[in-house]
C-alpha atoms as a PDB file:
ATOM      1  CA  MET A   1     144.420  -4.596 230.060  1.00  0.00           C
ATOM      2  CA  ALA A   2     144.835  -8.237 231.572  1.00  0.00           C
ATOM      3  CA  GLN A   3     143.006  -9.138 234.191  1.00  0.00           C
ATOM      4  CA  PHE A   4     144.520 -11.523 237.271  1.00  0.00           C
ATOM      5  CA  PHE A   5     142.706 -14.309 239.177  1.00  0.00           C
ATOM      6  CA  ALA A   6     143.526 -14.098 242.837  1.00  0.00           C
ATOM      7  CA  SER A   7     142.003 -15.800 245.926  1.00  0.00           C
ATOM      8  CA  PRO A   8     139.021 -14.541 247.974  1.00  0.00           C
ATOM      9  CA  ALA A   9     141.439 -14.042 251.170  1.00  0.00           C
ATOM     10  CA  CYS A  10     142.499 -10.663 248.700  1.00  0.00           C
ATOM     11  CA  ALA A  11     141.677  -8.193 250.747  1.00  0.00           C
ATOM     12  CA  GLY A  12     138.452 -10.088 252.070  1.00  0.00           C
ATOM     13  CA  GLN A  13     136.428  -9.631 248.170  1.00  0.00           C
ATOM     14  CA  LYS A  14     134.323 -12.052 246.749  1.00  0.00           C
ATOM     15  CA  LEU A  15     136.516 -14.423 244.374  1.00  0.00           C
ATOM     16  CA  ARG A  16     136.723 -11.650 241.295  1.00  0.00           C
ATOM     17  CA  HIS A  17     139.626 -10.240 238.581  1.00  0.00           C
ATOM     18  CA  PHE A  18     142.019  -8.174 239.827  1.00  0.00           C
ATOM     19  CA  THR A  19     143.881  -5.778 237.793  1.00  0.00           C
ATOM     20  CA  ALA A  20     147.907  -5.911 238.205  1.00  0.00           C
ATOM     21  CA  HIS A  21     147.730  -2.537 240.311  1.00  0.00           C
ATOM     22  CA  GLU A  22     145.146  -4.176 242.586  1.00  0.00           C
ATOM     23  CA  LEU A  23     146.939  -7.542 242.398  1.00  0.00           C
ATOM     24  CA  ASN A  24     150.234  -5.830 244.100  1.00  0.00           C
ATOM     25  CA  GLN A  25     148.261  -4.091 246.616  1.00  0.00           C
ATOM     26  CA  CYS A  26     146.493  -7.327 248.052  1.00  0.00           C
ATOM     27  CA  TRP A  27     149.487 -10.074 247.543  1.00  0.00           C
ATOM     28  CA  ALA A  28     150.686  -9.756 250.418  1.00  0.00           C
ATOM     29  CA  VAL A  29     147.711  -9.290 252.815  1.00  0.00           C
ATOM     30  CA  THR A  30     146.605 -12.654 250.856  1.00  0.00           C
ATOM     31  CA  CYS A  31     149.759 -14.124 251.701  1.00  0.00           C
ATOM     32  CA  VAL A  32     149.767 -13.333 255.134  1.00  0.00           C
ATOM     33  CA  ALA A  33     145.789 -14.277 255.584  1.00  0.00           C
ATOM     34  CA  VAL A  34     146.218 -18.278 253.879  1.00  0.00           C
ATOM     35  CA  GLY A  35     149.850 -18.989 255.956  1.00  0.00           C
ATOM     36  CA  HIS A  36     151.823 -18.377 252.537  1.00  0.00           C
ATOM     37  CA  SER A  37     155.476 -17.707 252.189  1.00  0.00           C
ATOM     38  CA  PRO A  38     156.296 -13.824 253.473  1.00  0.00           C
ATOM     39  CA  LYS A  39     158.742 -13.467 250.460  1.00  0.00           C
ATOM     40  CA  TRP A  40     155.643 -11.891 248.231  1.00  0.00           C
ATOM     41  CA  ALA A  41     156.095  -8.881 251.274  1.00  0.00           C
ATOM     42  CA  MET A  42     159.646  -8.706 251.159  1.00  0.00           C
ATOM     43  CA  MET A  43     159.742  -8.265 247.301  1.00  0.00           C
ATOM     44  CA  SER A  44     162.248  -5.613 246.544  1.00  0.00           C
ATOM     45  CA  PHE A  45     160.267  -4.361 243.581  1.00  0.00           C
ATOM     46  CA  GLU A  46     156.507  -4.000 242.440  1.00  0.00           C
ATOM     47  CA  VAL A  47     155.012  -5.007 239.305  1.00  0.00           C
ATOM     48  CA  ILE A  48     153.186  -1.628 237.897  1.00  0.00           C
ATOM     49  CA  ASP A  49     151.782  -3.018 235.108  1.00  0.00           C
ATOM     50  CA  ASP A  50     150.808  -6.194 233.717  1.00  0.00           C
ATOM     51  CA  ILE A  51     152.515  -8.849 232.768  1.00  0.00           C
ATOM     52  CA  THR A  52     153.187  -9.750 228.869  1.00  0.00           C
ATOM     53  CA  GLU A  53     154.585 -11.978 226.702  1.00  0.00           C
ATOM     54  CA  VAL A  54     153.278 -14.785 228.941  1.00  0.00           C
ATOM     55  CA  GLN A  55     155.551 -18.597 228.019  1.00  0.00           C
ATOM     56  CA  THR A  56     155.829 -21.318 229.900  1.00  0.00           C
ATOM     57  CA  ILE A  57     159.278 -22.555 231.285  1.00  0.00           C
ATOM     58  CA  ALA A  58     158.380 -26.070 232.705  1.00  0.00           C
ATOM     59  CA  ALA A  59     155.089 -28.262 234.106  1.00  0.00           C
ATOM     60  CA  GLY A  60     154.530 -30.697 236.313  1.00  0.00           C
ATOM     61  CA  ASN A  61     157.155 -33.061 236.876  1.00  0.00           C
ATOM     62  CA  ALA A  62     159.244 -31.167 234.508  1.00  0.00           C
ATOM     63  CA  ILE A  63     159.980 -28.395 237.716  1.00  0.00           C
ATOM     64  CA  ARG A  64     163.255 -28.844 240.056  1.00  0.00           C
ATOM     65  CA  GLU A  65     161.111 -27.403 242.889  1.00  0.00           C
ATOM     66  CA  LEU A  66     157.615 -29.761 242.420  1.00  0.00           C
ATOM     67  CA  ALA A  67     157.887 -31.595 245.970  1.00  0.00           C
ATOM     68  CA  ARG A  68     158.599 -28.215 247.689  1.00  0.00           C
ATOM     69  CA  LEU A  69     155.710 -25.916 246.067  1.00  0.00           C
ATOM     70  CA  GLN A  70     152.987 -28.990 246.812  1.00  0.00           C
ATOM     71  CA  LYS A  71     154.517 -29.239 250.129  1.00  0.00           C
ATOM     72  CA  GLN A  72     154.523 -25.046 251.360  1.00  0.00           C
ATOM     73  CA  TYR A  73     151.552 -24.147 249.225  1.00  0.00           C
ATOM     74  CA  GLY A  74     149.439 -27.838 248.045  1.00  0.00           C
ATOM     75  CA  LYS A  75     148.919 -29.649 245.680  1.00  0.00           C
ATOM     76  CA  GLY A  76     147.854 -28.768 242.649  1.00  0.00           C
ATOM     77  CA  ARG A  77     149.076 -28.388 237.977  1.00  0.00           C
ATOM     78  CA  TRP A  78     152.095 -26.022 238.748  1.00  0.00           C
ATOM     79  CA  ARG A  79     153.796 -24.538 236.326  1.00  0.00           C
ATOM     80  CA  LYS A  80     157.056 -21.872 235.770  1.00  0.00           C
ATOM     81  CA  LEU A  81     156.418 -18.953 233.984  1.00  0.00           C
ATOM     82  CA  LYS A  82     158.156 -15.977 232.204  1.00  0.00           C
ATOM     83  CA  GLY A  83     156.714 -12.782 231.275  1.00  0.00           C
ATOM     84  CA  VAL A  84     157.746  -9.216 231.031  1.00  0.00           C
ATOM     85  CA  ALA A  85     156.308  -5.971 232.615  1.00  0.00           C
ATOM     86  CA  MET A  86     157.142  -2.792 234.050  1.00  0.00           C
ATOM     87  CA  VAL A  87     158.353  -3.369 237.890  1.00  0.00           C
ATOM     88  CA  ARG A  88     159.132  -0.294 240.941  1.00  0.00           C
ATOM     89  CA  LEU A  89     162.220  -0.722 242.329  1.00  0.00           C
ATOM     90  CA  ALA A  90     162.878  -0.227 245.912  1.00  0.00           C
ATOM     91  CA  SER A  91     164.714   3.005 244.792  1.00  0.00           C
ATOM     92  CA  GLY A  92     161.763   4.370 242.832  1.00  0.00           C
ATOM     93  CA  ARG A  93     163.325   3.510 239.898  1.00  0.00           C
ATOM     94  CA  ILE A  94     161.466   1.905 236.787  1.00  0.00           C
ATOM     95  CA  ARG A  95     162.494  -0.379 234.580  1.00  0.00           C
ATOM     96  CA  ARG A  96     161.610  -3.082 231.788  1.00  0.00           C
ATOM     97  CA  ALA A  97     161.969  -6.641 233.700  1.00  0.00           C
ATOM     98  CA  GLU A  98     162.070 -10.576 232.640  1.00  0.00           C
ATOM     99  CA  LEU A  99     160.083 -12.613 235.793  1.00  0.00           C
ATOM    100  CA  HIS A 100     159.766 -15.738 236.510  1.00  0.00           C
ATOM    101  CA  TRP A 101     157.060 -17.034 238.507  1.00  0.00           C
ATOM    102  CA  TYR A 102     155.851 -20.261 239.805  1.00  0.00           C
ATOM    103  CA  GLU A 103     151.767 -20.456 239.147  1.00  0.00           C
ATOM    104  CA  ALA A 104     148.767 -22.873 239.798  1.00  0.00           C
ATOM    105  CA  HIS A 105     145.301 -23.014 239.542  1.00  0.00           C
ATOM    106  CA  GLY A 106     143.245 -21.983 242.481  1.00  0.00           C
ATOM    107  CA  ILE A 107     146.785 -21.533 244.249  1.00  0.00           C
ATOM    108  CA  GLY A 108     147.718 -18.507 242.058  1.00  0.00           C
ATOM    109  CA  LYS A 109     150.981 -16.831 241.616  1.00  0.00           C
ATOM    110  CA  ARG A 110     154.051 -17.574 244.205  1.00  0.00           C
ATOM    111  CA  GLU A 111     157.519 -16.563 244.382  1.00  0.00           C
ATOM    112  CA  MET A 112     157.878 -13.894 241.999  1.00  0.00           C
ATOM    113  CA  LYS A 113     161.628 -12.969 240.524  1.00  0.00           C
ATOM    114  CA  ARG A 114     163.163 -10.689 238.899  1.00  0.00           C
ATOM    115  CA  LYS A 115     165.725 -12.111 236.353  1.00  0.00           C
ATOM    116  CA  ARG A 116     167.105  -9.583 234.142  1.00  0.00           C
ATOM    117  CA  TYR A 117     166.226  -5.786 232.733  1.00  0.00           C
ATOM    118  CA  LEU A 118     165.588  -5.699 229.403  1.00  0.00           C
ATOM    119  CA  ASP A 119     166.215  -1.793 228.741  1.00  0.00           C
END
């Protein structure tokens, strides 16, 4: 099972690796605790499986939103990534979806979006 790195603000835990399930449970807590955008708390879906087939779409100056990301979340090596995971929708339905998000070392995943369904 793949694991993701999360910040210590996540549920007051020490810096460690989290599984996808643990990460979903604490993302909203982390965003509130460190003052990030509440978009995570309002996602219309929940990632219920590990994210696979991860690919980098853009990095550094190739990211259109780079200035905003740095202003809102802090400076870092920002990348835009995509991957595939099983998600649970607000209706309770489970589907396989392509996800896009921004990520920077030391900052973590931000602004995850469901782009399309793959099933």
